[in-house]
Protein backbone atom coordinates (compact mmCIF):
# COMPACT_ATOMS: atom_id res chain seq x y z
CA MET A 1 -77.01 -20.38 2.33
CA LEU A 2 -73.92 -20.66 4.53
CA LEU A 3 -71.46 -21.23 1.52
CA ILE A 4 -72.95 -17.65 0.80
CA LEU A 5 -72.72 -15.94 4.41
CA ARG A 6 -69.13 -17.40 4.50
CA ILE A 7 -68.14 -15.74 1.09
CA LEU A 8 -69.68 -12.21 2.31
CA ILE A 9 -67.84 -12.96 5.45
CA VAL A 10 -64.45 -13.28 3.84
CA GLY A 11 -65.13 -10.24 1.41
CA PHE A 12 -66.28 -8.15 4.81
CA THR A 13 -62.90 -9.50 6.37
CA LEU A 14 -60.72 -8.44 3.42
CA ALA A 15 -62.49 -5.19 3.51
CA ILE A 16 -61.91 -3.84 7.20
CA SER A 17 -58.21 -5.60 6.68
CA SER A 18 -57.14 -2.96 3.75
CA CYS A 19 -59.68 -0.13 5.65
CA GLY A 20 -57.94 1.70 8.56
CA SER A 21 -54.10 1.11 7.39
CA ASP A 22 -54.39 4.01 5.26
CA SER A 23 -52.97 6.35 7.88
CA LEU A 24 -50.36 4.21 9.12
CA PRO A 25 -46.36 4.56 7.66
CA GLU A 26 -45.16 2.82 4.94
CA LYS A 27 -42.47 2.00 6.61
CA VAL A 28 -40.82 0.88 9.95
CA SER A 29 -37.66 0.09 11.35
CA LEU A 30 -36.96 -2.70 13.39
CA ALA A 31 -36.13 -0.65 16.39
CA GLU A 32 -39.20 1.55 16.23
CA PHE A 33 -41.21 -1.65 15.93
CA ILE A 34 -39.62 -2.66 19.60
CA GLU A 35 -39.78 0.74 21.13
CA SER A 36 -43.55 1.15 20.24
CA ASN A 37 -44.84 -2.31 21.39
CA GLN A 38 -44.80 -5.08 24.18
CA SER A 39 -44.65 -8.62 24.30
CA LEU A 40 -47.25 -10.76 24.88
CA SER A 41 -47.46 -12.18 28.47
CA LEU A 42 -45.36 -15.79 28.49
CA LYS A 43 -46.72 -17.11 31.42
CA ALA A 44 -47.14 -20.89 31.29
CA ASP A 45 -50.93 -20.72 31.97
CA ASP A 46 -51.44 -18.34 29.32
CA LYS A 47 -52.75 -21.06 26.63
CA SER A 48 -55.99 -19.11 25.48
CA LEU A 49 -56.44 -16.17 23.27
CA ASP A 50 -58.94 -14.61 25.92
CA LYS A 51 -56.16 -14.31 28.70
CA GLN A 52 -54.16 -11.88 25.90
CA LYS A 53 -54.03 -8.33 26.37
CA CYS A 54 -52.41 -6.89 23.30
CA TRP A 55 -53.46 -8.16 20.02
CA CYS A 56 -53.14 -5.52 17.31
CA ILE A 57 -55.96 -5.38 15.19
CA SER A 58 -54.15 -6.78 12.29
CA GLY A 59 -53.69 -9.63 14.63
CA MET A 60 -57.95 -9.99 15.29
CA ARG A 61 -58.06 -9.58 11.44
CA GLN A 62 -56.00 -12.95 11.09
CA ILE A 63 -57.44 -14.71 13.87
CA LEU A 64 -61.01 -14.15 11.82
CA LEU A 65 -59.87 -15.08 8.48
CA LEU A 66 -58.58 -18.31 10.34
CA LYS A 67 -62.24 -18.94 11.92
CA VAL A 68 -63.48 -18.25 8.39
CA ALA A 69 -61.57 -20.44 6.96
CA GLY A 70 -62.70 -23.57 9.35
CA ILE A 71 -60.10 -23.31 12.06
CA LYS A 72 -62.03 -23.38 15.35
CA LYS A 73 -61.47 -21.90 18.87
CA GLN A 74 -59.34 -24.71 19.77
CA GLY A 75 -57.29 -24.15 16.63
CA VAL A 76 -56.45 -20.47 17.48
CA ASP A 77 -55.61 -21.36 20.98
CA ALA A 78 -53.61 -24.02 19.67
CA ILE A 79 -51.80 -21.38 17.88
CA ILE A 80 -51.20 -19.45 20.61
CA HIS A 81 -49.94 -21.75 23.20
CA GLY A 82 -47.59 -23.18 20.24
CA LEU A 83 -46.28 -19.73 19.70
CA ASN A 84 -45.55 -19.03 23.24
CA TRP A 85 -43.50 -22.08 23.64
CA LEU A 86 -41.80 -20.92 20.84
CA ALA A 87 -40.70 -17.92 21.91
CA LYS A 88 -40.03 -19.44 25.85
CA ASN A 89 -37.11 -21.55 24.24
CA GLN A 90 -35.82 -19.36 21.63
CA ASP A 91 -31.88 -19.43 22.37
CA GLU A 92 -29.88 -16.38 23.92
CA ASP A 93 -27.92 -15.93 20.27
CA GLY A 94 -31.83 -15.36 18.85
CA GLY A 95 -32.20 -18.70 17.16
CA TRP A 96 -33.41 -21.69 17.45
CA GLY A 97 -31.98 -25.74 17.86
CA LYS A 98 -29.61 -25.08 20.46
CA ARG A 99 -31.75 -26.86 22.82
CA ASP A 100 -34.18 -29.48 20.74
CA LEU A 101 -35.04 -33.03 20.59
CA ASP A 102 -34.41 -35.81 18.43
CA GLY A 103 -36.54 -38.49 16.82
CA SER A 104 -35.83 -40.86 20.00
CA GLY A 105 -36.28 -37.77 22.81
CA LYS A 106 -32.89 -37.39 23.02
CA SER A 107 -31.67 -33.97 24.38
CA PHE A 108 -30.45 -32.35 20.83
CA VAL A 109 -28.02 -29.39 19.78
CA GLY A 110 -28.45 -28.70 16.12
CA ASN A 111 -25.76 -27.83 13.92
CA GLU A 112 -26.00 -24.23 11.38
CA GLN A 113 -27.96 -25.45 8.76
CA HIS A 114 -30.48 -26.81 11.68
CA ARG A 115 -30.81 -23.78 13.45
CA ASP A 116 -30.80 -21.85 10.12
CA ALA A 117 -33.58 -24.09 9.15
CA MET A 118 -35.77 -24.24 12.78
CA THR A 119 -34.77 -20.19 13.20
CA SER A 120 -36.54 -19.64 9.77
CA LEU A 121 -39.91 -21.62 10.12
CA ALA A 122 -40.00 -20.34 13.28
CA LEU A 123 -39.70 -16.56 12.46
CA LEU A 124 -42.30 -17.49 9.52
CA ASN A 125 -44.71 -18.68 12.06
CA PHE A 126 -44.34 -15.22 14.12
CA LEU A 127 -44.62 -13.41 11.38
CA GLN A 128 -47.30 -15.09 9.23
CA PHE A 129 -49.68 -15.32 12.57
CA CYS A 130 -49.64 -11.55 12.50
CA PRO A 131 -48.33 -10.21 9.09
CA HIS A 132 -48.30 -6.71 10.11
CA ARG A 133 -45.77 -4.11 10.74
CA PHE A 134 -47.30 -2.66 13.90
CA CYS A 135 -48.26 -6.05 15.30
CA THR A 136 -47.96 -5.69 19.05
CA ALA A 137 -46.87 -9.47 19.54
CA TYR A 138 -43.52 -11.02 20.15
CA PRO A 139 -41.42 -8.17 18.75
CA LYS A 140 -38.36 -8.66 20.47
CA THR A 141 -38.68 -12.42 19.63
CA ILE A 142 -38.86 -11.59 15.84
CA GLN A 143 -36.36 -8.93 15.99
CA ARG A 144 -33.97 -11.22 17.48
CA ALA A 145 -34.45 -13.91 15.35
CA ILE A 146 -33.97 -11.68 12.03
CA GLU A 147 -31.08 -10.29 13.30
CA TYR A 148 -29.70 -14.01 14.12
CA LEU A 149 -30.41 -14.54 10.33
CA THR A 150 -28.88 -11.76 8.98
CA LYS A 151 -25.51 -11.75 10.70
CA PRO A 152 -24.19 -14.16 7.86
CA LYS A 153 -24.48 -12.70 4.47
CA ALA A 154 -27.12 -13.77 2.64
CA GLU A 155 -25.17 -16.12 0.44
CA LYS A 156 -23.37 -17.72 3.04
CA TYR A 157 -24.35 -21.75 1.59
CA ALA A 158 -23.15 -20.78 -1.79
CA LYS A 159 -19.52 -21.27 -3.79
CA PHE A 160 -19.18 -18.85 -6.79
CA ASN A 161 -15.91 -19.42 -9.03
CA GLN A 162 -13.41 -16.78 -9.79
CA GLU A 163 -15.83 -15.02 -12.27
CA GLY A 164 -18.17 -14.28 -9.58
CA ARG A 165 -21.08 -17.13 -10.96
CA PHE A 166 -22.49 -19.76 -8.75
CA THR A 167 -21.21 -23.25 -9.11
CA GLU A 168 -23.06 -25.11 -5.93
CA LEU A 169 -23.89 -25.23 -2.09
CA THR A 170 -21.73 -26.36 0.77
CA ILE A 171 -24.88 -28.15 1.76
CA GLN A 172 -24.17 -32.04 0.88
CA GLU A 173 -26.75 -34.39 0.38
CA GLY A 174 -27.72 -36.93 3.56
CA THR A 175 -26.76 -34.13 5.90
CA GLU A 176 -29.20 -32.50 8.28
CA PHE A 177 -31.40 -30.15 6.68
CA MET A 178 -30.00 -30.12 3.36
CA HIS A 179 -32.60 -27.44 2.39
CA ALA A 180 -31.54 -24.97 5.31
CA HIS A 181 -30.77 -22.37 2.71
CA CYS A 182 -34.31 -22.63 0.79
CA LEU A 183 -36.22 -21.80 4.19
CA ARG A 184 -33.59 -19.26 4.94
CA ALA A 185 -34.29 -17.39 2.19
CA SER A 186 -37.75 -17.74 2.67
CA ALA A 187 -38.00 -16.22 5.65
CA LEU A 188 -35.37 -13.25 4.79
CA CYS A 189 -38.19 -12.92 1.53
CA PHE A 190 -41.32 -12.62 3.82
CA ALA A 191 -39.43 -10.29 6.80
CA TYR A 192 -39.20 -8.11 4.11
CA THR A 193 -42.70 -7.97 2.96
CA VAL A 194 -43.49 -7.55 6.35
CA PHE A 195 -40.96 -4.51 7.41
CA LYS A 196 -39.75 -3.04 3.91
CA GLU A 197 -36.71 -2.30 4.73
CA LYS A 198 -33.72 -2.14 2.22
CA PRO A 199 -31.56 -4.51 4.05
CA LEU A 200 -33.79 -6.96 4.25
CA ARG A 201 -34.80 -6.66 0.45
CA GLU A 202 -31.16 -7.12 -0.15
CA TYR A 203 -30.95 -9.94 1.87
CA ALA A 204 -33.81 -11.28 0.06
CA VAL A 205 -32.85 -11.09 -3.14
CA LYS A 206 -29.22 -12.31 -3.17
CA ALA A 207 -30.60 -15.77 -1.12
CA THR A 208 -33.18 -15.99 -3.68
CA GLN A 209 -30.68 -15.21 -6.78
CA VAL A 210 -28.96 -18.60 -5.31
CA THR A 211 -32.10 -20.53 -5.42
CA LEU A 212 -32.68 -19.25 -9.27
CA ASP A 213 -29.19 -19.62 -10.36
CA GLY A 214 -29.25 -23.66 -8.55
CA GLN A 215 -32.13 -24.58 -10.57
CA HIS A 216 -31.13 -27.99 -12.77
CA GLU A 217 -32.09 -28.46 -16.15
CA SER A 218 -34.67 -30.81 -15.06
CA GLY A 219 -36.51 -28.16 -13.74
CA GLY A 220 -35.99 -29.36 -10.03
CA TRP A 221 -32.91 -28.85 -7.72
CA SER A 222 -30.27 -30.91 -6.19
CA THR A 223 -29.39 -30.92 -2.81
CA ASP A 224 -26.32 -29.23 -3.40
CA PHE A 225 -27.59 -27.18 -6.34
CA LYS A 226 -25.27 -28.59 -9.02
CA LYS A 227 -26.26 -28.72 -12.67
CA THR A 228 -24.33 -31.33 -13.69
CA LYS A 229 -25.99 -34.46 -15.84
CA ASP A 230 -25.65 -36.67 -12.70
CA ALA A 231 -26.85 -34.06 -10.12
CA LYS A 232 -29.65 -36.04 -7.87
CA VAL A 233 -32.35 -33.80 -8.27
CA ASP A 234 -34.71 -34.50 -5.39
CA LEU A 235 -38.72 -33.79 -4.98
CA VAL A 236 -37.90 -32.76 -1.49
CA VAL A 237 -35.90 -29.96 -1.81
CA SER A 238 -37.77 -28.63 -5.20
CA THR A 239 -40.66 -27.93 -3.22
CA TRP A 240 -38.83 -26.19 -0.51
CA ALA A 241 -36.86 -24.19 -3.29
CA LEU A 242 -40.44 -23.27 -5.37
CA GLN A 243 -41.32 -22.36 -1.57
CA ASN A 244 -38.55 -19.54 -1.51
CA LEU A 245 -39.85 -18.55 -4.78
CA THR A 246 -43.40 -18.35 -3.66
CA TYR A 247 -42.06 -16.30 -0.83
CA PHE A 248 -40.14 -13.99 -3.05
CA ALA A 249 -43.30 -13.56 -5.25
CA LEU A 250 -45.38 -12.53 -2.18
CA SER A 251 -42.91 -9.55 -1.28
CA GLY A 252 -44.12 -7.78 -4.35
CA ILE A 253 -40.25 -7.24 -5.76
CA ASN A 254 -40.63 -8.20 -9.08
CA ASP A 255 -38.02 -10.51 -11.22
CA PRO A 256 -39.39 -11.21 -14.47
CA GLN A 257 -37.10 -14.95 -13.75
CA ILE A 258 -39.72 -16.11 -11.34
CA ASP A 259 -42.06 -16.95 -13.68
CA ASP A 260 -39.88 -19.32 -16.04
CA SER A 261 -38.33 -20.97 -13.19
CA PHE A 262 -41.93 -21.75 -11.65
CA ASP A 263 -42.64 -23.09 -15.34
CA ASP A 264 -39.94 -25.44 -15.25
CA GLY A 265 -40.43 -26.33 -11.03
CA VAL A 266 -43.91 -27.54 -12.45
CA ASP A 267 -43.15 -29.09 -15.30
CA TYR A 268 -40.55 -31.20 -13.43
CA ILE A 269 -43.18 -31.95 -10.75
CA LYS A 270 -45.24 -33.58 -13.21
CA SER A 271 -42.81 -35.27 -14.35
CA LEU A 272 -42.74 -37.38 -11.23
CA HIS A 273 -46.75 -38.00 -10.93
CA THR A 274 -47.42 -41.45 -10.77
CA SER A 275 -50.68 -43.63 -11.77
CA ASP A 276 -51.74 -43.94 -8.35
CA GLY A 277 -51.79 -40.32 -7.59
CA SER A 278 -48.29 -39.91 -5.58
CA PHE A 279 -45.23 -39.01 -6.76
CA LYS A 280 -41.41 -40.41 -6.88
CA ARG A 281 -38.90 -38.41 -5.29
CA PHE A 282 -36.30 -38.75 -7.90
CA LEU A 283 -36.08 -38.66 -11.55
CA SER A 284 -34.37 -41.32 -12.11
CA GLY A 285 -36.27 -43.91 -9.32
CA ASN A 286 -39.38 -46.00 -10.07
CA GLU A 287 -40.96 -46.38 -6.58
CA SER A 288 -43.47 -43.72 -5.98
CA GLN A 289 -43.77 -42.25 -2.68
CA ASP A 290 -47.20 -41.61 -1.02
CA ASN A 291 -46.06 -39.16 1.31
CA LEU A 292 -44.89 -36.48 -1.17
CA THR A 293 -48.28 -36.45 -2.89
CA GLY A 294 -49.18 -32.92 -0.90
CA ALA A 295 -46.00 -31.49 -2.05
CA GLY A 296 -46.27 -32.28 -5.26
CA ILE A 297 -50.14 -31.25 -5.57
CA TYR A 298 -49.85 -27.76 -3.72
CA PHE A 299 -47.52 -26.69 -6.28
CA LEU A 300 -49.64 -27.84 -9.50
CA GLN A 301 -52.48 -26.08 -7.44
CA VAL A 302 -50.65 -22.66 -7.09
CA TRP A 303 -49.48 -22.49 -10.58
CA LYS A 304 -51.43 -22.99 -13.74
CA ASN A 305 -52.44 -26.58 -12.98
CA SER A 306 -55.20 -26.64 -10.47
CA LYS A 307 -57.73 -28.29 -12.59
CA SER A 308 -55.31 -30.97 -13.98
CA SER A 309 -55.80 -34.68 -14.05
CA GLU A 310 -52.67 -34.75 -11.95
CA SER A 311 -54.41 -32.43 -9.15
CA LYS A 312 -57.36 -34.08 -8.90
CA SER A 313 -56.03 -37.69 -8.76
CA GLY A 314 -53.19 -36.51 -6.04
CA LEU A 315 -56.31 -34.89 -3.93
CA GLU A 316 -58.55 -37.56 -3.89
CA LYS A 317 -55.78 -40.02 -2.20
CA ILE A 318 -54.66 -37.36 0.23
CA ALA A 319 -58.64 -37.13 1.33
CA HIS A 320 -59.37 -40.98 0.96
CA GLU A 321 -56.21 -42.74 1.94
CA ARG A 322 -53.55 -40.14 3.60
CA LEU A 323 -56.44 -38.72 6.11
CA ARG A 324 -56.62 -42.35 7.62
CA LEU A 325 -53.46 -42.37 8.59
CA ASN A 326 -52.67 -41.82 12.48
CA LEU A 327 -51.18 -38.81 13.10
CA ARG A 328 -47.77 -40.01 14.39
CA ASN A 329 -47.32 -42.37 11.32
CA LEU A 330 -47.11 -39.00 9.22
CA HIS A 331 -44.02 -37.04 8.64
CA SER A 332 -44.22 -33.31 9.35
CA PHE A 333 -43.48 -32.49 6.11
CA GLU A 334 -46.15 -34.65 4.47
CA MET A 335 -48.98 -33.12 7.25
CA PHE A 336 -48.08 -29.64 6.21
CA PHE A 337 -48.00 -30.23 2.08
CA ASN A 338 -51.35 -32.19 2.87
CA THR A 339 -52.87 -29.07 4.23
CA LEU A 340 -51.70 -26.70 1.93
CA SER A 341 -52.91 -28.91 -1.02
CA ALA A 342 -56.40 -29.20 0.10
CA TYR A 343 -56.56 -25.60 1.62
CA CYS A 344 -55.60 -24.51 -2.36
CA SER A 345 -57.97 -27.05 -4.14
CA THR A 346 -60.67 -23.99 -3.92
CA ASN A 347 -59.84 -22.43 -0.75
CA PHE A 348 -62.48 -23.04 1.95
CA THR A 349 -65.03 -24.04 -0.08
CA SER A 350 -63.49 -27.53 -1.45
CA LYS A 351 -64.88 -30.42 -0.19
CA TYR A 352 -60.98 -31.77 -0.08
CA TRP A 353 -59.97 -28.83 2.08
CA ARG A 354 -63.57 -29.37 4.50
CA GLU A 355 -62.87 -33.05 4.92
CA TRP A 356 -59.26 -32.70 5.23
CA ASN A 357 -59.75 -29.86 7.68
CA GLU A 358 -62.33 -31.44 9.74
CA GLY A 359 -61.31 -34.99 9.85
CA TYR A 360 -57.79 -33.50 10.59
CA GLN A 361 -57.68 -30.17 12.45
CA PHE A 362 -58.63 -31.86 16.02
CA VAL A 363 -56.44 -34.64 15.41
CA LEU A 364 -53.45 -31.82 15.08
CA ILE A 365 -55.18 -29.93 18.26
CA ASP A 366 -55.32 -33.05 20.59
CA SER A 367 -51.99 -33.68 19.94
CA GLN A 368 -50.46 -30.96 21.03
CA SER A 369 -48.38 -31.24 24.62
CA ASN A 370 -49.56 -29.45 27.78
CA ASN A 371 -46.86 -27.05 27.00
CA GLY A 372 -47.72 -25.92 23.66
CA ALA A 373 -45.27 -28.07 21.81
CA TRP A 374 -46.14 -30.97 19.89
CA PRO A 375 -44.71 -34.80 20.68
CA LEU A 376 -42.76 -36.46 17.81
CA GLY A 377 -43.86 -39.01 15.50
CA SER A 378 -42.58 -41.91 14.31
CA THR A 379 -38.83 -42.16 13.59
CA HIS A 380 -38.18 -40.21 10.26
CA ASP A 381 -35.09 -38.72 9.20
CA HIS A 382 -34.45 -35.44 10.87
CA GLU A 383 -37.58 -35.11 12.69
CA THR A 384 -36.99 -33.30 16.08
CA GLN A 385 -39.45 -31.53 18.26
CA LEU A 386 -38.62 -28.13 16.78
CA TYR A 387 -39.52 -29.04 13.58
CA ARG A 388 -42.62 -30.99 14.13
CA THR A 389 -43.77 -27.89 16.23
CA ASN A 390 -43.22 -25.32 13.65
CA LEU A 391 -44.49 -27.30 10.89
CA SER A 392 -47.71 -27.97 12.79
CA LEU A 393 -47.90 -24.53 13.70
CA HIS A 394 -47.45 -23.88 10.01
CA SER A 395 -50.67 -26.45 9.27
CA LEU A 396 -52.88 -24.03 11.39
CA ILE A 397 -51.49 -20.57 10.46
CA VAL A 398 -50.69 -20.59 7.32
CA PRO A 399 -53.76 -21.75 4.93
CA PRO A 400 -55.95 -18.77 4.92
CA LEU A 401 -52.66 -16.69 3.79
CA TRP A 402 -51.72 -18.25 0.35
CA LEU A 403 -54.28 -17.25 -2.60
CA ARG A 404 -53.14 -18.68 -6.21
CA LEU A 405 -49.89 -17.18 -7.85
CA SER A 406 -51.61 -17.02 -11.23
CA PRO A 407 -54.65 -17.69 -13.34
CA LYS A 408 -55.99 -20.90 -13.90
CA GLY A 409 -55.37 -22.95 -17.04
CA ASN A 410 -52.41 -24.72 -18.05
CA SER A 411 -50.59 -23.43 -20.84
CA LYS A 412 -47.13 -23.05 -20.68
CA LYS A 413 -45.18 -19.41 -20.59
CA SER A 414 -48.66 -17.67 -20.11
CA ASN A 415 -46.44 -14.40 -18.95
CA SER A 416 -48.99 -13.81 -15.74
CA SER A 417 -47.59 -12.30 -13.06
CA VAL A 418 -46.51 -14.24 -9.93
CA THR A 419 -48.21 -11.35 -7.68
CA PRO A 420 -51.29 -12.27 -6.30
């Protein structure tokens, strides 16, 4: 009965979320967005949703969806507290990353790649919490972040030859936040999804085209997007590249290349799967990495392989092994993709989602600092306070937002639409 009730609530929630919006204009400029709204109070003690006065109806619907998906009131309050901390720590130029803490807790000024990555993750958190063009939450914060990301050209990290063809990224292996391009492209895609402005569409298309052009023949992506035989194709970079394609698909922009790219990308991920349920980071390597399990399983879940043996063995590993780890021993990347993969295993009705959410949600909530940020975990590569806070918020905000992008099944080249 409880399951039936939840399904009815979701149906009702989705129904009301589509009602009442028909009378709204189809398009609103960023200027109109700012002029017609006020920011939330950013007082230090405004941790609870109950203290906020100006949430729009769409924001309240998102909160209802969060609760239906199993996010407790404490989780919603943690989201508000975290977003307030991000808003208060936005840099004067609209980005984030000038005032960060590194893995040892020391003050850290990020480089351009770091700042693009942190700004993109922060913008995604603000927009995804209330994905509605008339949301009253944090409008100036959102506007300044979009302006920061769109000051340079869309293909800022791309190199082209004399014929105008893409060759590689300027980002090198081992450099800080080598997936900055993919995160920036994802944020630009979702900004277009919300505001539907032509300039944002052009940014989303051009940035995503670089990702499509940089896909290796193996199906994955290397750090610099080179397509040579000796390119070091990397599961971590490939994960963020596929996430870029996911956001592009959700924007509603039609591009037939996306389906084939996803097919090849998921085939590449399957080739990295090992017998113990985890994944290798590189095709040439022999060592599997348990902390990459969620990343691999998530994309199998959303693209035609939800019932595959690889998906099942990975979900079992996440629920029965990774859940037992101390939060400080989990990299932000792993905790986010473990959460997504568990949720996508059949949304909130799945035993994997229930086990992961019930065991992990309060650990995540309880670990939040009093100021709204999340403390640093163990010493991981490029783990900073902003990165951990952003991905902790992602873990609480994002799951109810995602639907599978294609029909169930395992066939290649299904000609299915990627738009949900």
